[in-house]
Amino acid sequence: TRSWCDWSSDVCSSDLYINGEKLEENYGKDPIRNPGIAEEPITLEEDEFFLLGDNREISWDSRYEDIGLVHRDLIAGRTILRIRPLSKFGIVK
C-alpha cells in the first residue's frame, strides 16, 4: 500500500490534506461538517481513488461507506474540456 490521501479535517473545516500537505483549491470551500470515513487518515491501494463532489456539503461521494473508495476499473469516461482555472480553460489533450 501507499499513502495517497492522509486527509485530516476538522469537522467544520474546509481544508483538505493529501499526504499531510494542504490542498490549495479555489472551490469547494464550504465547511465539511461530515467527513464520514475520512475522519481518520485513509491509505489508498495503487488503483483506488477517494472521490469528492464539488458541492462538498451535499455531495454523495467517497466519504460515505456505501460508496467508499473507488477502484480504477469502475471509473468510466475521460476529461475533454477543462473549465477551471480559467487560465487553463480549453480542450484537454
Protein backbone atom coordinates (compact mmCIF):
# COMPACT_ATOMS: atom_id res chain seq x y z
CA THR A 1 0.00 0.00 0.00
CA ARG A 2 1.00 3.59 -0.34
CA SER A 3 -0.46 6.57 1.37
CA TRP A 4 -2.08 8.86 -1.17
CA CYS A 5 -4.72 10.50 0.93
CA ASP A 6 -3.94 11.24 4.54
CA TRP A 7 -6.87 13.63 4.71
CA SER A 8 -7.36 15.02 8.16
CA SER A 9 -10.10 17.56 8.51
CA ASP A 10 -11.57 19.33 11.48
CA VAL A 11 -15.31 18.58 11.37
CA CYS A 12 -16.13 22.19 10.44
CA SER A 13 -13.06 22.88 8.31
CA SER A 14 -12.97 23.32 4.56
CA ASP A 15 -9.29 22.44 4.26
CA LEU A 16 -8.23 19.17 2.64
CA TYR A 17 -4.89 17.50 3.20
CA ILE A 18 -3.18 14.94 0.96
CA ASN A 19 -0.13 13.23 2.45
CA GLY A 20 -0.05 15.88 5.14
CA GLU A 21 0.02 18.81 2.69
CA LYS A 22 -2.86 21.28 2.43
CA LEU A 23 -4.58 21.14 -0.95
CA GLU A 24 -4.78 24.64 -2.44
CA GLU A 25 -8.06 25.00 -4.30
CA ASN A 26 -10.35 27.85 -5.31
CA TYR A 27 -13.65 25.98 -4.95
CA GLY A 28 -15.30 23.62 -2.53
CA LYS A 29 -14.57 25.92 0.38
CA ASP A 30 -17.79 25.19 2.25
CA PRO A 31 -17.16 23.69 5.67
CA ILE A 32 -17.14 19.90 5.69
CA ARG A 33 -19.45 19.06 8.55
CA ASN A 34 -19.42 15.32 7.89
CA PRO A 35 -16.01 13.89 6.97
CA GLY A 36 -17.51 10.38 7.03
CA ILE A 37 -14.92 7.64 6.62
CA ALA A 38 -12.25 10.33 6.14
CA GLU A 39 -12.48 11.35 9.77
CA GLU A 40 -9.32 9.26 10.17
CA PRO A 41 -6.44 9.16 7.64
CA ILE A 42 -7.05 6.89 4.65
CA THR A 43 -4.44 4.84 2.80
CA LEU A 44 -5.28 4.01 -0.80
CA GLU A 45 -4.12 0.99 -2.78
CA GLU A 46 -2.42 1.52 -6.16
CA ASP A 47 -5.64 1.68 -8.22
CA GLU A 48 -8.01 3.22 -5.65
CA PHE A 49 -9.40 6.73 -5.58
CA PHE A 50 -11.13 8.82 -2.94
CA LEU A 51 -13.70 10.89 -4.84
CA LEU A 52 -15.14 14.18 -3.61
CA GLY A 53 -18.01 16.09 -5.13
CA ASP A 54 -17.52 19.78 -5.83
CA ASN A 55 -20.51 20.71 -3.68
CA ARG A 56 -18.99 19.10 -0.60
CA GLU A 57 -21.77 19.81 1.87
CA ILE A 58 -24.38 17.82 -0.09
CA SER A 59 -22.31 15.61 -2.42
CA TRP A 60 -22.76 11.86 -2.08
CA ASP A 61 -19.16 10.75 -2.51
CA SER A 62 -16.38 8.55 -1.10
CA ARG A 63 -16.92 9.89 2.41
CA TYR A 64 -19.96 7.62 2.68
CA GLU A 65 -19.40 3.93 3.37
CA ASP A 66 -21.88 2.78 0.71
CA ILE A 67 -19.69 4.47 -1.92
CA GLY A 68 -16.27 4.41 -0.24
CA LEU A 69 -13.04 4.06 -2.15
CA VAL A 70 -13.46 3.59 -5.89
CA HIS A 71 -11.29 1.20 -7.93
CA ARG A 72 -9.92 2.44 -11.25
CA ASP A 73 -11.89 -0.26 -13.13
CA LEU A 74 -15.15 1.38 -12.01
CA ILE A 75 -14.26 4.82 -13.38
CA ALA A 76 -15.55 5.42 -16.90
CA GLY A 77 -15.15 8.43 -19.12
CA ARG A 78 -12.44 10.95 -19.77
CA THR A 79 -11.86 14.64 -19.48
CA ILE A 80 -12.46 16.58 -22.68
CA LEU A 81 -12.85 20.19 -21.58
CA ARG A 82 -11.25 21.98 -18.65
CA ILE A 83 -13.12 24.99 -17.29
CA ARG A 84 -11.18 25.92 -14.15
CA PRO A 85 -8.89 27.59 -13.54
CA LEU A 86 -9.84 29.99 -16.32
CA SER A 87 -6.16 30.43 -17.17
CA LYS A 88 -6.16 26.77 -18.30
CA PHE A 89 -9.58 26.76 -19.99
CA GLY A 90 -9.72 24.59 -23.10
CA ILE A 91 -9.57 21.15 -24.65
CA VAL A 92 -7.61 18.58 -22.63
CA LYS A 93 -5.16 16.60 -24.76
